[in-house]
Protein backbone atom coordinates (compact mmCIF):
# COMPACT_ATOMS: atom_id res chain seq x y z
CA UNK A 1 2.29 14.38 48.96
CA UNK A 2 -1.47 14.40 48.51
CA UNK A 3 -3.57 11.26 48.45
CA UNK A 4 -3.84 10.50 44.73
CA UNK A 5 -7.30 9.00 45.03
CA UNK A 6 -8.58 12.43 46.06
CA UNK A 7 -7.01 14.01 43.00
CA UNK A 8 -8.10 11.37 40.50
CA UNK A 9 -11.62 11.37 41.94
CA UNK A 10 -12.03 14.92 40.67
CA UNK A 11 -11.72 13.80 37.04
CA UNK A 12 -14.65 12.02 35.46
CA UNK A 13 -12.94 10.74 32.34
CA UNK A 14 -16.13 9.25 30.91
CA UNK A 15 -17.88 12.63 31.21
CA UNK A 16 -14.96 14.28 29.43
CA UNK A 17 -15.15 11.71 26.63
CA UNK A 18 -18.91 12.12 26.35
CA UNK A 19 -18.58 15.91 26.23
CA UNK A 20 -15.95 15.73 23.50
CA UNK A 21 -18.04 13.24 21.51
CA UNK A 22 -21.10 15.46 21.73
CA UNK A 23 -19.11 18.43 20.46
CA UNK A 24 -17.49 16.68 17.50
CA UNK A 25 -20.13 14.18 16.42
CA UNK A 26 -22.00 15.81 13.57
CA UNK A 27 -24.90 14.16 11.82
CA UNK A 28 -23.76 11.10 9.89
CA UNK A 29 -22.36 12.01 6.52
CA UNK A 30 -22.48 9.29 3.87
CA UNK A 31 -19.50 8.31 1.74
CA UNK A 32 -19.11 10.69 -1.16
CA UNK A 33 -17.71 10.38 -4.62
CA UNK A 34 -14.52 12.30 -5.45
CA UNK A 35 -16.44 13.92 -8.30
CA UNK A 36 -18.26 16.01 -5.66
CA UNK A 37 -15.30 17.65 -3.89
CA UNK A 38 -17.27 19.40 -1.13
CA UNK A 39 -19.25 16.29 -0.16
CA UNK A 40 -16.09 14.19 -0.43
CA UNK A 41 -14.12 16.44 1.93
CA UNK A 42 -17.02 16.56 4.39
CA UNK A 43 -17.16 12.76 4.31
CA UNK A 44 -13.42 12.54 4.93
CA UNK A 45 -13.64 15.01 7.82
CA UNK A 46 -16.47 12.97 9.30
CA UNK A 47 -14.38 9.77 9.15
CA UNK A 48 -11.38 11.48 10.77
CA UNK A 49 -13.58 12.98 13.49
CA UNK A 50 -15.01 9.58 14.35
CA UNK A 51 -11.53 8.08 14.45
CA UNK A 52 -10.30 10.88 16.68
CA UNK A 53 -13.23 10.40 19.09
CA UNK A 54 -12.53 6.65 19.30
CA UNK A 55 -8.83 7.25 19.93
CA UNK A 56 -9.66 9.80 22.59
CA UNK A 57 -11.96 7.34 24.35
CA UNK A 58 -9.21 4.70 24.31
CA UNK A 59 -6.69 7.17 25.69
CA UNK A 60 -9.08 8.19 28.47
CA UNK A 61 -9.46 4.53 29.45
CA UNK A 62 -5.69 4.06 29.52
CA UNK A 63 -5.21 7.24 31.57
CA UNK A 64 -7.78 6.00 34.09
CA UNK A 65 -5.96 2.65 34.36
CA UNK A 66 -2.61 4.38 34.81
CA UNK A 67 -4.13 6.59 37.48
CA UNK A 68 -5.48 3.57 39.38
CA UNK A 69 -2.13 1.76 39.25
CA UNK A 70 -0.30 4.90 40.33
CA UNK A 71 -2.68 5.33 43.25
CA UNK A 72 -2.19 1.68 44.29
CA UNK A 73 1.57 2.12 44.05
CA UNK A 74 1.41 5.24 46.17
CA UNK A 75 -0.72 3.47 48.80
CA UNK A 76 1.69 0.51 48.93
CA UNK A 77 4.65 2.88 49.21
CA UNK A 78 3.04 4.68 52.14
CA UNK A 79 2.26 1.37 53.88
CA UNK A 80 5.82 0.20 53.34
CA UNK A 81 7.28 3.42 54.71
CA UNK A 82 5.14 3.18 57.84
CA UNK A 83 6.14 -0.46 58.29
CA UNK A 84 2.49 -1.46 58.54
CA UNK A 85 2.59 -4.07 55.83
CA UNK A 86 5.12 -6.11 53.98
CA UNK A 87 4.69 -6.91 50.32
CA UNK A 88 3.15 -10.36 49.85
CA UNK A 89 4.71 -11.14 46.49
CA UNK A 90 6.73 -9.23 43.94
CA UNK A 91 4.71 -7.68 41.16
CA UNK A 92 5.92 -8.88 37.78
CA UNK A 93 5.01 -6.40 35.03
CA UNK A 94 3.26 -7.76 31.97
CA UNK A 95 4.13 -6.64 28.50
CA UNK A 96 1.86 -4.01 26.98
CA UNK A 97 -0.06 -4.73 23.80
């Protein structure tokens, strides 16, 4: 099995987020009245795009955290298999928010 830190090092999640944001962040569109259907729909699309970009950024952060924990777990597993180190204390998982 490959060293996971080598694999995860190839992905720059912040660059991916920045690239996506730059592609989907149009000029700010003000709130529009429903009496102007075109402006209203553009305003709605703008709000949804911003929300999507924020969600994507949050997901990228979570993926990076998962990757780091997975790498640490892999490293500890390899140490344990080689008998080089014994675990100091059990890891007690915390509940997710």
